[in-house]
């Protein structure tokens, strides 16, 4: 584990594997895992609402999205944290490594269908509708075009690798950031 303070963002669309990757990174490196869903649940609890009530409330109150994003940015001030969220790479401007995970929509629909116990067709429709709505919301709230991947350091098509393979790719990127090579200036290896 590097001694240096690292902040990694992992973004991607539904079914791309962001949560799996973040859990693996948190487990391996001892990173704190911060994700929008966790923050959203905390806020629902703070307001004394069920998750469903809070989701309905959030749809009518764009300040909820802004607060979730603000809390992600705040969490990025900690050391050794992996921040998961569709906009994490945009919100955490100074992250050491920004990762975008993707896969073809049918592959993502199959994963979501397995995870949620629904048909692939239903998963496909849900994903397509959600992504269309989110794209519009991100543009209206922040002026962010979610299709613009130019801010990411690493883009991985997770349909080509297993979760272990995706982890190995990102691990290699993180380890390179903290190598003694000329690209990892200032990083020190942990002696413990």
C-alpha atoms as a PDB file:
ATOM      1  CA  UNK A   1       0.000   0.000   0.000  1.00  0.00           C
ATOM      2  CA  UNK A   2       1.474   3.336  -0.982  1.00  0.00           C
ATOM      3  CA  UNK A   3       2.056   5.920   1.734  1.00  0.00           C
ATOM      4  CA  UNK A   4       0.900   8.649  -0.620  1.00  0.00           C
ATOM      5  CA  UNK A   5      -2.670   9.886  -0.345  1.00  0.00           C
ATOM      6  CA  UNK A   6      -4.605   8.531  -3.331  1.00  0.00           C
ATOM      7  CA  UNK A   7      -8.041   9.392  -4.664  1.00  0.00           C
ATOM      8  CA  UNK A   8      -9.496   7.169  -7.377  1.00  0.00           C
ATOM      9  CA  UNK A   9     -12.839   7.758  -9.103  1.00  0.00           C
ATOM     10  CA  UNK A  10     -14.746   4.978 -10.828  1.00  0.00           C
ATOM     11  CA  UNK A  11     -17.618   5.912 -13.104  1.00  0.00           C
ATOM     12  CA  UNK A  12     -19.766   3.986 -15.540  1.00  0.00           C
ATOM     13  CA  UNK A  13     -23.308   3.217 -16.563  1.00  0.00           C
ATOM     14  CA  UNK A  14     -25.648   0.656 -14.957  1.00  0.00           C
ATOM     15  CA  UNK A  15     -24.282  -2.878 -15.210  1.00  0.00           C
ATOM     16  CA  UNK A  16     -20.763  -1.825 -16.180  1.00  0.00           C
ATOM     17  CA  UNK A  17     -19.160  -3.235 -13.024  1.00  0.00           C
ATOM     18  CA  UNK A  18     -18.335  -0.104 -11.027  1.00  0.00           C
ATOM     19  CA  UNK A  19     -19.478  -1.450  -7.668  1.00  0.00           C
ATOM     20  CA  UNK A  20     -17.612  -4.734  -8.095  1.00  0.00           C
ATOM     21  CA  UNK A  21     -14.406  -2.912  -9.022  1.00  0.00           C
ATOM     22  CA  UNK A  22     -14.726  -0.424  -6.148  1.00  0.00           C
ATOM     23  CA  UNK A  23     -15.325  -3.179  -3.612  1.00  0.00           C
ATOM     24  CA  UNK A  24     -12.266  -5.031  -4.898  1.00  0.00           C
ATOM     25  CA  UNK A  25     -10.112  -1.890  -4.743  1.00  0.00           C
ATOM     26  CA  UNK A  26     -11.354  -1.024  -1.245  1.00  0.00           C
ATOM     27  CA  UNK A  27     -10.659  -4.552  -0.043  1.00  0.00           C
ATOM     28  CA  UNK A  28      -7.207  -4.863  -1.609  1.00  0.00           C
ATOM     29  CA  UNK A  29      -5.851  -1.397  -0.842  1.00  0.00           C
ATOM     30  CA  UNK A  30      -7.829  -0.628   2.304  1.00  0.00           C
ATOM     31  CA  UNK A  31      -9.420   2.353   0.542  1.00  0.00           C
ATOM     32  CA  UNK A  32     -12.599   3.863   1.894  1.00  0.00           C
ATOM     33  CA  UNK A  33     -15.401   3.237  -0.640  1.00  0.00           C
ATOM     34  CA  UNK A  34     -17.722   6.206  -1.087  1.00  0.00           C
ATOM     35  CA  UNK A  35     -20.616   5.944  -3.506  1.00  0.00           C
ATOM     36  CA  UNK A  36     -23.625   8.022  -4.410  1.00  0.00           C
ATOM     37  CA  UNK A  37     -26.069   5.321  -3.288  1.00  0.00           C
ATOM     38  CA  UNK A  38     -24.571   5.302   0.212  1.00  0.00           C
ATOM     39  CA  UNK A  39     -24.771   9.096   0.431  1.00  0.00           C
ATOM     40  CA  UNK A  40     -28.344   9.031  -0.892  1.00  0.00           C
ATOM     41  CA  UNK A  41     -29.360   6.525   1.810  1.00  0.00           C
ATOM     42  CA  UNK A  42     -27.665   8.633   4.501  1.00  0.00           C
ATOM     43  CA  UNK A  43     -29.586  11.702   3.338  1.00  0.00           C
ATOM     44  CA  UNK A  44     -32.900   9.808   3.364  1.00  0.00           C
ATOM     45  CA  UNK A  45     -32.210   8.769   6.948  1.00  0.00           C
ATOM     46  CA  UNK A  46     -31.233  12.333   7.904  1.00  0.00           C
ATOM     47  CA  UNK A  47     -34.580  13.556   6.549  1.00  0.00           C
ATOM     48  CA  UNK A  48     -36.536  10.748   8.239  1.00  0.00           C
ATOM     49  CA  UNK A  49     -37.777   9.333   4.924  1.00  0.00           C
ATOM     50  CA  UNK A  50     -37.851   5.836   3.489  1.00  0.00           C
ATOM     51  CA  UNK A  51     -35.623   5.316   0.478  1.00  0.00           C
ATOM     52  CA  UNK A  52     -38.671   5.273  -1.828  1.00  0.00           C
ATOM     53  CA  UNK A  53     -40.048   8.499  -0.311  1.00  0.00           C
ATOM     54  CA  UNK A  54     -36.686  10.172  -0.632  1.00  0.00           C
ATOM     55  CA  UNK A  55     -36.277   9.058  -4.272  1.00  0.00           C
ATOM     56  CA  UNK A  56     -39.637  10.640  -5.107  1.00  0.00           C
ATOM     57  CA  UNK A  57     -38.654  13.777  -3.204  1.00  0.00           C
ATOM     58  CA  UNK A  58     -35.291  13.946  -5.000  1.00  0.00           C
ATOM     59  CA  UNK A  59     -36.956  13.794  -8.417  1.00  0.00           C
ATOM     60  CA  UNK A  60     -38.686  17.086  -7.628  1.00  0.00           C
ATOM     61  CA  UNK A  61     -35.723  18.708  -5.842  1.00  0.00           C
ATOM     62  CA  UNK A  62     -32.536  19.031  -7.934  1.00  0.00           C
ATOM     63  CA  UNK A  63     -30.648  20.289  -4.886  1.00  0.00           C
ATOM     64  CA  UNK A  64     -30.561  16.658  -3.696  1.00  0.00           C
ATOM     65  CA  UNK A  65     -28.377  15.676  -6.668  1.00  0.00           C
ATOM     66  CA  UNK A  66     -26.133  18.655  -6.003  1.00  0.00           C
ATOM     67  CA  UNK A  67     -25.794  17.685  -2.331  1.00  0.00           C
ATOM     68  CA  UNK A  68     -24.912  14.078  -3.184  1.00  0.00           C
ATOM     69  CA  UNK A  69     -22.237  15.357  -5.556  1.00  0.00           C
ATOM     70  CA  UNK A  70     -20.976  17.885  -2.994  1.00  0.00           C
ATOM     71  CA  UNK A  71     -20.574  15.138  -0.420  1.00  0.00           C
ATOM     72  CA  UNK A  72     -18.594  13.042  -2.910  1.00  0.00           C
ATOM     73  CA  UNK A  73     -16.255  15.974  -3.496  1.00  0.00           C
ATOM     74  CA  UNK A  74     -15.922  16.413   0.276  1.00  0.00           C
ATOM     75  CA  UNK A  75     -15.081  12.705   0.679  1.00  0.00           C
ATOM     76  CA  UNK A  76     -12.320  13.114  -1.917  1.00  0.00           C
ATOM     77  CA  UNK A  77     -10.447  15.307   0.549  1.00  0.00           C
ATOM     78  CA  UNK A  78      -9.701  12.162   2.564  1.00  0.00           C
ATOM     79  CA  UNK A  79      -6.712   9.960   1.831  1.00  0.00           C
ATOM     80  CA  UNK A  80      -6.925   6.623   0.093  1.00  0.00           C
ATOM     81  CA  UNK A  81     -10.512   6.703  -1.057  1.00  0.00           C
ATOM     82  CA  UNK A  82     -12.280   5.258  -4.087  1.00  0.00           C
ATOM     83  CA  UNK A  83     -15.300   7.294  -5.136  1.00  0.00           C
ATOM     84  CA  UNK A  84     -17.943   5.602  -7.243  1.00  0.00           C
ATOM     85  CA  UNK A  85     -20.528   7.541  -9.204  1.00  0.00           C
ATOM     86  CA  UNK A  86     -21.529   8.393 -12.743  1.00  0.00           C
ATOM     87  CA  UNK A  87     -20.273  11.945 -12.265  1.00  0.00           C
ATOM     88  CA  UNK A  88     -17.432  11.197  -9.825  1.00  0.00           C
ATOM     89  CA  UNK A  89     -14.765  11.796 -12.465  1.00  0.00           C
ATOM     90  CA  UNK A  90     -16.316  15.164 -13.291  1.00  0.00           C
ATOM     91  CA  UNK A  91     -16.898  16.218  -9.698  1.00  0.00           C
ATOM     92  CA  UNK A  92     -13.541  15.174  -8.237  1.00  0.00           C
ATOM     93  CA  UNK A  93     -11.358  17.214 -10.551  1.00  0.00           C
ATOM     94  CA  UNK A  94      -8.029  16.431  -8.839  1.00  0.00           C
ATOM     95  CA  UNK A  95      -8.414  12.658  -8.544  1.00  0.00           C
ATOM     96  CA  UNK A  96      -5.163  10.751  -9.041  1.00  0.00           C
ATOM     97  CA  UNK A  97      -6.848   8.242 -11.349  1.00  0.00           C
ATOM     98  CA  UNK A  98     -10.201   8.564 -13.122  1.00  0.00           C
ATOM     99  CA  UNK A  99     -11.628   5.310 -14.448  1.00  0.00           C
ATOM    100  CA  UNK A 100     -14.642   4.853 -16.738  1.00  0.00           C
ATOM    101  CA  UNK A 101     -16.135   1.370 -17.080  1.00  0.00           C
ATOM    102  CA  UNK A 102     -18.341   0.516 -20.016  1.00  0.00           C
ATOM    103  CA  UNK A 103     -19.830  -2.454 -21.841  1.00  0.00           C
ATOM    104  CA  UNK A 104     -22.330  -2.814 -24.676  1.00  0.00           C
ATOM    105  CA  UNK A 105     -25.878  -2.131 -23.479  1.00  0.00           C
ATOM    106  CA  UNK A 106     -27.043  -5.727 -24.065  1.00  0.00           C
ATOM    107  CA  UNK A 107     -24.222  -7.061 -21.890  1.00  0.00           C
ATOM    108  CA  UNK A 108     -25.084  -4.550 -19.183  1.00  0.00           C
ATOM    109  CA  UNK A 109     -28.786  -5.482 -19.476  1.00  0.00           C
ATOM    110  CA  UNK A 110     -27.908  -9.164 -18.948  1.00  0.00           C
ATOM    111  CA  UNK A 111     -25.949  -8.287 -15.811  1.00  0.00           C
ATOM    112  CA  UNK A 112     -28.706  -6.063 -14.429  1.00  0.00           C
ATOM    113  CA  UNK A 113     -31.311  -8.752 -15.223  1.00  0.00           C
ATOM    114  CA  UNK A 114     -29.305 -11.362 -13.277  1.00  0.00           C
ATOM    115  CA  UNK A 115     -28.719  -8.991 -10.374  1.00  0.00           C
ATOM    116  CA  UNK A 116     -32.338  -7.816 -10.110  1.00  0.00           C
ATOM    117  CA  UNK A 117     -34.118 -11.021 -11.134  1.00  0.00           C
ATOM    118  CA  UNK A 118     -35.882  -9.488 -14.150  1.00  0.00           C
ATOM    119  CA  UNK A 119     -35.919 -10.265 -17.860  1.00  0.00           C
ATOM    120  CA  UNK A 120     -33.135  -8.980 -20.088  1.00  0.00           C
ATOM    121  CA  UNK A 121     -35.738  -7.064 -22.100  1.00  0.00           C
ATOM    122  CA  UNK A 122     -37.061  -5.312 -18.992  1.00  0.00           C
ATOM    123  CA  UNK A 123     -33.522  -4.518 -17.864  1.00  0.00           C
ATOM    124  CA  UNK A 124     -32.713  -3.121 -21.306  1.00  0.00           C
ATOM    125  CA  UNK A 125     -35.747  -0.811 -21.255  1.00  0.00           C
ATOM    126  CA  UNK A 126     -35.020   0.378 -17.707  1.00  0.00           C
ATOM    127  CA  UNK A 127     -31.387   1.088 -18.523  1.00  0.00           C
ATOM    128  CA  UNK A 128     -32.195   2.910 -21.766  1.00  0.00           C
ATOM    129  CA  UNK A 129     -34.865   5.091 -20.119  1.00  0.00           C
ATOM    130  CA  UNK A 130     -32.707   5.832 -17.073  1.00  0.00           C
ATOM    131  CA  UNK A 131     -29.688   6.758 -19.187  1.00  0.00           C
ATOM    132  CA  UNK A 132     -31.759   9.063 -21.394  1.00  0.00           C
ATOM    133  CA  UNK A 133     -33.177  10.829 -18.326  1.00  0.00           C
ATOM    134  CA  UNK A 134     -29.811  11.021 -16.567  1.00  0.00           C
ATOM    135  CA  UNK A 135     -28.092  12.411 -19.653  1.00  0.00           C
ATOM    136  CA  UNK A 136     -30.627  15.236 -19.821  1.00  0.00           C
ATOM    137  CA  UNK A 137     -30.431  15.857 -16.051  1.00  0.00           C
ATOM    138  CA  UNK A 138     -26.608  16.028 -15.994  1.00  0.00           C
ATOM    139  CA  UNK A 139     -26.648  18.464 -18.900  1.00  0.00           C
ATOM    140  CA  UNK A 140     -29.288  20.663 -17.254  1.00  0.00           C
ATOM    141  CA  UNK A 141     -27.784  20.569 -13.742  1.00  0.00           C
ATOM    142  CA  UNK A 142     -24.093  20.882 -14.563  1.00  0.00           C
ATOM    143  CA  UNK A 143     -23.628  21.314 -18.298  1.00  0.00           C
ATOM    144  CA  UNK A 144     -21.959  17.871 -18.351  1.00  0.00           C
ATOM    145  CA  UNK A 145     -22.207  15.665 -21.430  1.00  0.00           C
ATOM    146  CA  UNK A 146     -21.913  12.183 -19.915  1.00  0.00           C
ATOM    147  CA  UNK A 147     -20.826  10.875 -23.344  1.00  0.00           C
ATOM    148  CA  UNK A 148     -17.660  13.011 -23.177  1.00  0.00           C
ATOM    149  CA  UNK A 149     -14.989  10.603 -21.911  1.00  0.00           C
ATOM    150  CA  UNK A 150     -12.054  12.984 -22.434  1.00  0.00           C
ATOM    151  CA  UNK A 151     -11.580  13.518 -18.675  1.00  0.00           C
ATOM    152  CA  UNK A 152     -10.849   9.848 -17.909  1.00  0.00           C
ATOM    153  CA  UNK A 153      -7.366   8.388 -17.538  1.00  0.00           C
ATOM    154  CA  UNK A 154      -8.493   4.828 -18.139  1.00  0.00           C
ATOM    155  CA  UNK A 155     -11.520   3.521 -20.057  1.00  0.00           C
ATOM    156  CA  UNK A 156     -12.247  -0.204 -19.884  1.00  0.00           C
ATOM    157  CA  UNK A 157     -14.808  -2.243 -21.817  1.00  0.00           C
ATOM    158  CA  UNK A 158     -15.737  -4.680 -19.047  1.00  0.00           C
ATOM    159  CA  UNK A 159     -17.307  -7.108 -21.526  1.00  0.00           C
ATOM    160  CA  UNK A 160     -13.772  -8.122 -22.530  1.00  0.00           C
ATOM    161  CA  UNK A 161     -12.484  -9.038 -19.044  1.00  0.00           C
ATOM    162  CA  UNK A 162     -13.739 -10.804 -15.955  1.00  0.00           C
ATOM    163  CA  UNK A 163     -14.115  -8.742 -12.759  1.00  0.00           C
ATOM    164  CA  UNK A 164     -10.678 -10.067 -11.750  1.00  0.00           C
ATOM    165  CA  UNK A 165      -9.242  -8.925 -15.077  1.00  0.00           C
ATOM    166  CA  UNK A 166     -10.730  -5.442 -14.723  1.00  0.00           C
ATOM    167  CA  UNK A 167      -9.310  -5.260 -11.191  1.00  0.00           C
ATOM    168  CA  UNK A 168      -5.876  -6.349 -12.452  1.00  0.00           C
ATOM    169  CA  UNK A 169      -5.880  -3.590 -15.100  1.00  0.00           C
ATOM    170  CA  UNK A 170      -6.828  -0.880 -12.596  1.00  0.00           C
ATOM    171  CA  UNK A 171      -4.442  -2.279  -9.981  1.00  0.00           C
ATOM    172  CA  UNK A 172      -1.612  -2.040 -12.516  1.00  0.00           C
ATOM    173  CA  UNK A 173      -2.566   1.596 -13.170  1.00  0.00           C
ATOM    174  CA  UNK A 174      -2.646   2.408  -9.449  1.00  0.00           C
ATOM    175  CA  UNK A 175       0.601   0.580  -8.780  1.00  0.00           C
ATOM    176  CA  UNK A 176       2.238   2.455 -11.643  1.00  0.00           C
ATOM    177  CA  UNK A 177       1.135   5.758 -10.144  1.00  0.00           C
ATOM    178  CA  UNK A 178       3.030   4.784  -7.016  1.00  0.00           C
ATOM    179  CA  UNK A 179       6.047   3.160  -8.607  1.00  0.00           C
ATOM    180  CA  UNK A 180       9.551   4.511  -8.255  1.00  0.00           C
ATOM    181  CA  UNK A 181       9.602   5.087 -12.000  1.00  0.00           C
ATOM    182  CA  UNK A 182       9.688   8.552 -13.508  1.00  0.00           C
ATOM    183  CA  UNK A 183       5.882   8.551 -13.904  1.00  0.00           C
ATOM    184  CA  UNK A 184       5.407   7.937 -10.181  1.00  0.00           C
ATOM    185  CA  UNK A 185       7.477  10.796  -8.833  1.00  0.00           C
ATOM    186  CA  UNK A 186       7.009  11.358  -5.138  1.00  0.00           C
ATOM    187  CA  UNK A 187       5.522   7.952  -4.377  1.00  0.00           C
ATOM    188  CA  UNK A 188       7.087   5.828  -1.708  1.00  0.00           C
ATOM    189  CA  UNK A 189       6.557   2.135  -1.135  1.00  0.00           C
ATOM    190  CA  UNK A 190       5.136   1.117   2.218  1.00  0.00           C
ATOM    191  CA  UNK A 191       7.838  -0.497   4.310  1.00  0.00           C
ATOM    192  CA  UNK A 192       5.461  -2.258   6.686  1.00  0.00           C
END
